[in-house]
Amino acid sequence: KGRFTIFRDNPKNTVYLQMNSLKPEDTAVYYCA
């Protein structure tokens, strides 16, 4: 919270995850669902 933002663009059938102020503990494989 306060660092990541999720938003969608329906005409493009796309969802985004904007990730700011990244920390080492954010290291991972990220999956869309």
ModelCIF file with pLDDT and N, C-alpha, C, O atoms, coordinates in Angstrom:
data_MODEL
#
_entry.id   MODEL 
#
_entity.id                         1 
_entity.type                       polymer 
_entity.pdbx_number_of_molecules   1 
#
_entity_poly.entity_id                      1 
_entity_poly.type                           'polypeptide(L)' 
_entity_poly.nstd_linkage                   no 
_entity_poly.nstd_monomer                   no 
_entity_poly.pdbx_seq_one_letter_code       KGRFTIFRDNPKNTVYLQMNSLKPEDTAVYYCA 
_entity_poly.pdbx_seq_one_letter_code_can   KGRFTIFRDNPKNTVYLQMNSLKPEDTAVYYCA 
_entity_poly.pdbx_strand_id                 A 
#
loop_
_entity_poly_seq.entity_id 
_entity_poly_seq.num 
_entity_poly_seq.mon_id 
_entity_poly_seq.hetero 
1 1  LYS n 
1 2  GLY n 
1 3  ARG n 
1 4  PHE n 
1 5  THR n 
1 6  ILE n 
1 7  PHE n 
1 8  ARG n 
1 9  ASP n 
1 10 ASN n 
1 11 PRO n 
1 12 LYS n 
1 13 ASN n 
1 14 THR n 
1 15 VAL n 
1 16 TYR n 
1 17 LEU n 
1 18 GLN n 
1 19 MET n 
1 20 ASN n 
1 21 SER n 
1 22 LEU n 
1 23 LYS n 
1 24 PRO n 
1 25 GLU n 
1 26 ASP n 
1 27 THR n 
1 28 ALA n 
1 29 VAL n 
1 30 TYR n 
1 31 TYR n 
1 32 CYS n 
1 33 ALA n 
#
_struct_asym.id          A 
_struct_asym.entity_id   1 
#
loop_
_ma_qa_metric.id 
_ma_qa_metric.mode 
_ma_qa_metric.name 
_ma_qa_metric.software_group_id 
_ma_qa_metric.type 
1 global pLDDT . pLDDT 
2 local  pLDDT . pLDDT 
#
_ma_qa_metric_global.metric_id      1 
_ma_qa_metric_global.metric_value   96.76 
_ma_qa_metric_global.model_id       1 
_ma_qa_metric_global.ordinal_id     1 
#
loop_
_ma_qa_metric_local.label_asym_id 
_ma_qa_metric_local.label_comp_id 
_ma_qa_metric_local.label_seq_id 
_ma_qa_metric_local.metric_id 
_ma_qa_metric_local.metric_value 
_ma_qa_metric_local.model_id 
_ma_qa_metric_local.ordinal_id 
A LYS 1  2 98.00 1 1  
A GLY 2  2 98.00 1 2  
A ARG 3  2 98.00 1 3  
A PHE 4  2 98.00 1 4  
A THR 5  2 98.00 1 5  
A ILE 6  2 98.00 1 6  
A PHE 7  2 97.00 1 7  
A ARG 8  2 95.00 1 8  
A ASP 9  2 94.00 1 9  
A ASN 10 2 89.00 1 10 
A PRO 11 2 91.00 1 11 
A LYS 12 2 93.00 1 12 
A ASN 13 2 93.00 1 13 
A THR 14 2 95.00 1 14 
A VAL 15 2 97.00 1 15 
A TYR 16 2 98.00 1 16 
A LEU 17 2 98.00 1 17 
A GLN 18 2 98.00 1 18 
A MET 19 2 98.00 1 19 
A ASN 20 2 98.00 1 20 
A SER 21 2 98.00 1 21 
A LEU 22 2 98.00 1 22 
A LYS 23 2 98.00 1 23 
A PRO 24 2 97.00 1 24 
A GLU 25 2 97.00 1 25 
A ASP 26 2 98.00 1 26 
A THR 27 2 98.00 1 27 
A ALA 28 2 98.00 1 28 
A VAL 29 2 98.00 1 29 
A TYR 30 2 98.00 1 30 
A TYR 31 2 98.00 1 31 
A CYS 32 2 98.00 1 32 
A ALA 33 2 97.00 1 33 
#
loop_
_atom_site.group_PDB 
_atom_site.id 
_atom_site.type_symbol 
_atom_site.label_atom_id 
_atom_site.label_alt_id 
_atom_site.label_comp_id 
_atom_site.label_asym_id 
_atom_site.label_entity_id 
_atom_site.label_seq_id 
_atom_site.pdbx_PDB_ins_code 
_atom_site.Cartn_x 
_atom_site.Cartn_y 
_atom_site.Cartn_z 
_atom_site.occupancy 
_atom_site.B_iso_or_equiv 
_atom_site.pdbx_formal_charge 
_atom_site.auth_seq_id 
_atom_site.auth_comp_id 
_atom_site.auth_asym_id 
_atom_site.auth_atom_id 
_atom_site.pdbx_PDB_model_num 
ATOM 1   N N  . LYS A 1 1  ? 0.824   -1.203  0.000   1.00 98.00 ? 1  LYS A N  1 
ATOM 2   C CA . LYS A 1 1  ? 0.000   0.000   0.000   1.00 98.00 ? 1  LYS A CA 1 
ATOM 3   C C  . LYS A 1 1  ? 0.862   1.257   0.000   1.00 98.00 ? 1  LYS A C  1 
ATOM 4   O O  . LYS A 1 1  ? 1.825   1.366   0.759   1.00 98.00 ? 1  LYS A O  1 
ATOM 5   N N  . GLY A 1 2  ? 0.502   2.196   -0.857  1.00 98.00 ? 2  GLY A N  1 
ATOM 6   C CA . GLY A 1 2  ? 1.252   3.427   -0.973  1.00 98.00 ? 2  GLY A CA 1 
ATOM 7   C C  . GLY A 1 2  ? 2.419   3.342   -1.924  1.00 98.00 ? 2  GLY A C  1 
ATOM 8   O O  . GLY A 1 2  ? 3.001   4.369   -2.276  1.00 98.00 ? 2  GLY A O  1 
ATOM 9   N N  . ARG A 1 3  ? 2.781   2.135   -2.356  1.00 98.00 ? 3  ARG A N  1 
ATOM 10  C CA . ARG A 1 3  ? 3.909   1.954   -3.268  1.00 98.00 ? 3  ARG A CA 1 
ATOM 11  C C  . ARG A 1 3  ? 3.482   1.396   -4.625  1.00 98.00 ? 3  ARG A C  1 
ATOM 12  O O  . ARG A 1 3  ? 4.018   1.798   -5.658  1.00 98.00 ? 3  ARG A O  1 
ATOM 13  N N  . PHE A 1 4  ? 2.526   0.479   -4.627  1.00 98.00 ? 4  PHE A N  1 
ATOM 14  C CA . PHE A 1 4  ? 2.068   -0.164  -5.856  1.00 98.00 ? 4  PHE A CA 1 
ATOM 15  C C  . PHE A 1 4  ? 0.691   0.367   -6.239  1.00 98.00 ? 4  PHE A C  1 
ATOM 16  O O  . PHE A 1 4  ? -0.112  0.718   -5.375  1.00 98.00 ? 4  PHE A O  1 
ATOM 17  N N  . THR A 1 5  ? 0.427   0.422   -7.534  1.00 98.00 ? 5  THR A N  1 
ATOM 18  C CA . THR A 1 5  ? -0.874  0.809   -8.050  1.00 98.00 ? 5  THR A CA 1 
ATOM 19  C C  . THR A 1 5  ? -1.302  -0.168  -9.131  1.00 98.00 ? 5  THR A C  1 
ATOM 20  O O  . THR A 1 5  ? -0.545  -0.432  -10.065 1.00 98.00 ? 5  THR A O  1 
ATOM 21  N N  . ILE A 1 6  ? -2.510  -0.705  -9.012  1.00 98.00 ? 6  ILE A N  1 
ATOM 22  C CA . ILE A 1 6  ? -3.056  -1.578  -10.034 1.00 98.00 ? 6  ILE A CA 1 
ATOM 23  C C  . ILE A 1 6  ? -4.134  -0.810  -10.797 1.00 98.00 ? 6  ILE A C  1 
ATOM 24  O O  . ILE A 1 6  ? -4.955  -0.119  -10.193 1.00 98.00 ? 6  ILE A O  1 
ATOM 25  N N  . PHE A 1 7  ? -4.130  -0.929  -12.104 1.00 97.00 ? 7  PHE A N  1 
ATOM 26  C CA . PHE A 1 7  ? -5.156  -0.287  -12.913 1.00 97.00 ? 7  PHE A CA 1 
ATOM 27  C C  . PHE A 1 7  ? -5.337  -1.064  -14.205 1.00 97.00 ? 7  PHE A C  1 
ATOM 28  O O  . PHE A 1 7  ? -4.462  -1.822  -14.624 1.00 97.00 ? 7  PHE A O  1 
ATOM 29  N N  . ARG A 1 8  ? -6.494  -0.862  -14.830 1.00 95.00 ? 8  ARG A N  1 
ATOM 30  C CA . ARG A 1 8  ? -6.796  -1.617  -16.035 1.00 95.00 ? 8  ARG A CA 1 
ATOM 31  C C  . ARG A 1 8  ? -7.118  -0.696  -17.203 1.00 95.00 ? 8  ARG A C  1 
ATOM 32  O O  . ARG A 1 8  ? -7.557  0.439   -17.016 1.00 95.00 ? 8  ARG A O  1 
ATOM 33  N N  . ASP A 1 9  ? -6.893  -1.204  -18.412 1.00 94.00 ? 9  ASP A N  1 
ATOM 34  C CA . ASP A 1 9  ? -7.248  -0.535  -19.654 1.00 94.00 ? 9  ASP A CA 1 
ATOM 35  C C  . ASP A 1 9  ? -8.107  -1.531  -20.420 1.00 94.00 ? 9  ASP A C  1 
ATOM 36  O O  . ASP A 1 9  ? -7.590  -2.363  -21.165 1.00 94.00 ? 9  ASP A O  1 
ATOM 37  N N  . ASN A 1 10 ? -9.407  -1.445  -20.235 1.00 89.00 ? 10 ASN A N  1 
ATOM 38  C CA . ASN A 1 10 ? -10.304 -2.448  -20.802 1.00 89.00 ? 10 ASN A CA 1 
ATOM 39  C C  . ASN A 1 10 ? -10.278 -2.534  -22.330 1.00 89.00 ? 10 ASN A C  1 
ATOM 40  O O  . ASN A 1 10 ? -10.313 -3.644  -22.863 1.00 89.00 ? 10 ASN A O  1 
ATOM 41  N N  . PRO A 1 11 ? -10.219 -1.407  -23.065 1.00 91.00 ? 11 PRO A N  1 
ATOM 42  C CA . PRO A 1 11 ? -10.142 -1.531  -24.526 1.00 91.00 ? 11 PRO A CA 1 
ATOM 43  C C  . PRO A 1 11 ? -8.931  -2.317  -24.997 1.00 91.00 ? 11 PRO A C  1 
ATOM 44  O O  . PRO A 1 11 ? -8.970  -2.930  -26.064 1.00 91.00 ? 11 PRO A O  1 
ATOM 45  N N  . LYS A 1 12 ? -7.850  -2.308  -24.215 1.00 93.00 ? 12 LYS A N  1 
ATOM 46  C CA . LYS A 1 12 ? -6.654  -3.061  -24.561 1.00 93.00 ? 12 LYS A CA 1 
ATOM 47  C C  . LYS A 1 12 ? -6.608  -4.424  -23.883 1.00 93.00 ? 12 LYS A C  1 
ATOM 48  O O  . LYS A 1 12 ? -5.658  -5.183  -24.071 1.00 93.00 ? 12 LYS A O  1 
ATOM 49  N N  . ASN A 1 13 ? -7.639  -4.735  -23.092 1.00 93.00 ? 13 ASN A N  1 
ATOM 50  C CA . ASN A 1 13 ? -7.701  -6.001  -22.354 1.00 93.00 ? 13 ASN A CA 1 
ATOM 51  C C  . ASN A 1 13 ? -6.442  -6.216  -21.520 1.00 93.00 ? 13 ASN A C  1 
ATOM 52  O O  . ASN A 1 13 ? -5.881  -7.311  -21.484 1.00 93.00 ? 13 ASN A O  1 
ATOM 53  N N  . THR A 1 14 ? -6.015  -5.155  -20.856 1.00 95.00 ? 14 THR A N  1 
ATOM 54  C CA . THR A 1 14 ? -4.748  -5.176  -20.146 1.00 95.00 ? 14 THR A CA 1 
ATOM 55  C C  . THR A 1 14 ? -4.908  -4.644  -18.724 1.00 95.00 ? 14 THR A C  1 
ATOM 56  O O  . THR A 1 14 ? -5.645  -3.687  -18.487 1.00 95.00 ? 14 THR A O  1 
ATOM 57  N N  . VAL A 1 15 ? -4.216  -5.271  -17.792 1.00 97.00 ? 15 VAL A N  1 
ATOM 58  C CA . VAL A 1 15 ? -4.125  -4.778  -16.427 1.00 97.00 ? 15 VAL A CA 1 
ATOM 59  C C  . VAL A 1 15 ? -2.655  -4.526  -16.118 1.00 97.00 ? 15 VAL A C  1 
ATOM 60  O O  . VAL A 1 15 ? -1.784  -5.278  -16.557 1.00 97.00 ? 15 VAL A O  1 
ATOM 61  N N  . TYR A 1 16 ? -2.384  -3.475  -15.367 1.00 98.00 ? 16 TYR A N  1 
ATOM 62  C CA . TYR A 1 16 ? -1.026  -3.075  -15.059 1.00 98.00 ? 16 TYR A CA 1 
ATOM 63  C C  . TYR A 1 16 ? -0.793  -3.085  -13.558 1.00 98.00 ? 16 TYR A C  1 
ATOM 64  O O  . TYR A 1 16 ? -1.725  -2.947  -12.765 1.00 98.00 ? 16 TYR A O  1 
ATOM 65  N N  . LEU A 1 17 ? 0.460   -3.251  -13.189 1.00 98.00 ? 17 LEU A N  1 
ATOM 66  C CA . LEU A 1 17 ? 0.889   -3.075  -11.812 1.00 98.00 ? 17 LEU A CA 1 
ATOM 67  C C  . LEU A 1 17 ? 2.074   -2.127  -11.819 1.00 98.00 ? 17 LEU A C  1 
ATOM 68  O O  . LEU A 1 17 ? 3.179   -2.506  -12.206 1.00 98.00 ? 17 LEU A O  1 
ATOM 69  N N  . GLN A 1 18 ? 1.841   -0.888  -11.390 1.00 98.00 ? 18 GLN A N  1 
ATOM 70  C CA . GLN A 1 18 ? 2.907   0.096   -11.273 1.00 98.00 ? 18 GLN A CA 1 
ATOM 71  C C  . GLN A 1 18 ? 3.564   -0.071  -9.913  1.00 98.00 ? 18 GLN A C  1 
ATOM 72  O O  . GLN A 1 18 ? 2.907   0.063   -8.880  1.00 98.00 ? 18 GLN A O  1 
ATOM 73  N N  . MET A 1 19 ? 4.845   -0.361  -9.912  1.00 98.00 ? 19 MET A N  1 
ATOM 74  C CA . MET A 1 19 ? 5.578   -0.665  -8.698  1.00 98.00 ? 19 MET A CA 1 
ATOM 75  C C  . MET A 1 19 ? 6.624   0.423   -8.463  1.00 98.00 ? 19 MET A C  1 
ATOM 76  O O  . MET A 1 19 ? 7.577   0.550   -9.233  1.00 98.00 ? 19 MET A O  1 
ATOM 77  N N  . ASN A 1 20 ? 6.446   1.203   -7.403  1.00 98.00 ? 20 ASN A N  1 
ATOM 78  C CA . ASN A 1 20 ? 7.365   2.272   -7.050  1.00 98.00 ? 20 ASN A CA 1 
ATOM 79  C C  . ASN A 1 20 ? 8.015   1.977   -5.703  1.00 98.00 ? 20 ASN A C  1 
ATOM 80  O O  . ASN A 1 20 ? 7.535   1.145   -4.934  1.00 98.00 ? 20 ASN A O  1 
ATOM 81  N N  . SER A 1 21 ? 9.110   2.670   -5.434  1.00 98.00 ? 21 SER A N  1 
ATOM 82  C CA . SER A 1 21 ? 9.829   2.518   -4.167  1.00 98.00 ? 21 SER A CA 1 
ATOM 83  C C  . SER A 1 21 ? 10.093  1.056   -3.857  1.00 98.00 ? 21 SER A C  1 
ATOM 84  O O  . SER A 1 21 ? 9.836   0.590   -2.747  1.00 98.00 ? 21 SER A O  1 
ATOM 85  N N  . LEU A 1 22 ? 10.601  0.344   -4.831  1.00 98.00 ? 22 LEU A N  1 
ATOM 86  C CA . LEU A 1 22 ? 10.806  -1.093  -4.689  1.00 98.00 ? 22 LEU A CA 1 
ATOM 87  C C  . LEU A 1 22 ? 11.849  -1.409  -3.627  1.00 98.00 ? 22 LEU A C  1 
ATOM 88  O O  . LEU A 1 22 ? 12.832  -0.688  -3.456  1.00 98.00 ? 22 LEU A O  1 
ATOM 89  N N  . LYS A 1 23 ? 11.607  -2.501  -2.922  1.00 98.00 ? 23 LYS A N  1 
ATOM 90  C CA . LYS A 1 23 ? 12.477  -2.979  -1.862  1.00 98.00 ? 23 LYS A CA 1 
ATOM 91  C C  . LYS A 1 23 ? 12.998  -4.368  -2.215  1.00 98.00 ? 23 LYS A C  1 
ATOM 92  O O  . LYS A 1 23 ? 12.367  -5.078  -2.998  1.00 98.00 ? 23 LYS A O  1 
ATOM 93  N N  . PRO A 1 24 ? 14.134  -4.767  -1.653  1.00 97.00 ? 24 PRO A N  1 
ATOM 94  C CA . PRO A 1 24 ? 14.635  -6.120  -1.922  1.00 97.00 ? 24 PRO A CA 1 
ATOM 95  C C  . PRO A 1 24 ? 13.615  -7.210  -1.602  1.00 97.00 ? 24 PRO A C  1 
ATOM 96  O O  . PRO A 1 24 ? 13.586  -8.240  -2.276  1.00 97.00 ? 24 PRO A O  1 
ATOM 97  N N  . GLU A 1 25 ? 12.787  -7.002  -0.595  1.00 97.00 ? 25 GLU A N  1 
ATOM 98  C CA . GLU A 1 25 ? 11.791  -7.996  -0.234  1.00 97.00 ? 25 GLU A CA 1 
ATOM 99  C C  . GLU A 1 25 ? 10.659  -8.106  -1.248  1.00 97.00 ? 25 GLU A C  1 
ATOM 100 O O  . GLU A 1 25 ? 9.813   -8.994  -1.135  1.00 97.00 ? 25 GLU A O  1 
ATOM 101 N N  . ASP A 1 26 ? 10.631  -7.215  -2.237  1.00 98.00 ? 26 ASP A N  1 
ATOM 102 C CA . ASP A 1 26 ? 9.666   -7.327  -3.327  1.00 98.00 ? 26 ASP A CA 1 
ATOM 103 C C  . ASP A 1 26 ? 10.120  -8.318  -4.392  1.00 98.00 ? 26 ASP A C  1 
ATOM 104 O O  . ASP A 1 26 ? 9.355   -8.640  -5.301  1.00 98.00 ? 26 ASP A O  1 
ATOM 105 N N  . THR A 1 27 ? 11.340  -8.801  -4.291  1.00 98.00 ? 27 THR A N  1 
ATOM 106 C CA . THR A 1 27 ? 11.866  -9.755  -5.258  1.00 98.00 ? 27 THR A CA 1 
ATOM 107 C C  . THR A 1 27 ? 11.024  -11.027 -5.260  1.00 98.00 ? 27 THR A C  1 
ATOM 108 O O  . THR A 1 27 ? 10.839  -11.660 -4.220  1.00 98.00 ? 27 THR A O  1 
ATOM 109 N N  . ALA A 1 28 ? 10.519  -11.393 -6.429  1.00 98.00 ? 28 ALA A N  1 
ATOM 110 C CA . ALA A 1 28 ? 9.647   -12.559 -6.549  1.00 98.00 ? 28 ALA A CA 1 
ATOM 111 C C  . ALA A 1 28 ? 9.263   -12.752 -8.008  1.00 98.00 ? 28 ALA A C  1 
ATOM 112 O O  . ALA A 1 28 ? 9.527   -11.895 -8.852  1.00 98.00 ? 28 ALA A O  1 
ATOM 113 N N  . VAL A 1 29 ? 8.641   -13.882 -8.291  1.00 98.00 ? 29 VAL A N  1 
ATOM 114 C CA . VAL A 1 29 ? 7.967   -14.067 -9.558  1.00 98.00 ? 29 VAL A CA 1 
ATOM 115 C C  . VAL A 1 29 ? 6.554   -13.524 -9.399  1.00 98.00 ? 29 VAL A C  1 
ATOM 116 O O  . VAL A 1 29 ? 5.830   -13.921 -8.485  1.00 98.00 ? 29 VAL A O  1 
ATOM 117 N N  . TYR A 1 30 ? 6.169   -12.631 -10.274 1.00 98.00 ? 30 TYR A N  1 
ATOM 118 C CA . TYR A 1 30 ? 4.854   -12.009 -10.209 1.00 98.00 ? 30 TYR A CA 1 
ATOM 119 C C  . TYR A 1 30 ? 3.928   -12.645 -11.230 1.00 98.00 ? 30 TYR A C  1 
ATOM 120 O O  . TYR A 1 30 ? 4.288   -12.807 -12.396 1.00 98.00 ? 30 TYR A O  1 
ATOM 121 N N  . TYR A 1 31 ? 2.723   -13.009 -10.778 1.00 98.00 ? 31 TYR A N  1 
ATOM 122 C CA . TYR A 1 31 ? 1.748   -13.684 -11.610 1.00 98.00 ? 31 TYR A CA 1 
ATOM 123 C C  . TYR A 1 31 ? 0.486   -12.845 -11.764 1.00 98.00 ? 31 TYR A C  1 
ATOM 124 O O  . TYR A 1 31 ? -0.005  -12.263 -10.797 1.00 98.00 ? 31 TYR A O  1 
ATOM 125 N N  . CYS A 1 32 ? -0.022  -12.790 -12.961 1.00 98.00 ? 32 CYS A N  1 
ATOM 126 C CA . CYS A 1 32 ? -1.308  -12.188 -13.240 1.00 98.00 ? 32 CYS A CA 1 
ATOM 127 C C  . CYS A 1 32 ? -2.381  -13.264 -13.156 1.00 98.00 ? 32 CYS A C  1 
ATOM 128 O O  . CYS A 1 32 ? -2.144  -14.404 -13.555 1.00 98.00 ? 32 CYS A O  1 
ATOM 129 N N  . ALA A 1 33 ? -3.562  -12.915 -12.639 1.00 97.00 ? 33 ALA A N  1 
ATOM 130 C CA . ALA A 1 33 ? -4.644  -13.874 -12.500 1.00 97.00 ? 33 ALA A CA 1 
ATOM 131 C C  . ALA A 1 33 ? -5.980  -13.218 -12.817 1.00 97.00 ? 33 ALA A C  1 
ATOM 132 O O  . ALA A 1 33 ? -7.020  -13.874 -12.753 1.00 97.00 ? 33 ALA A O  1 
#
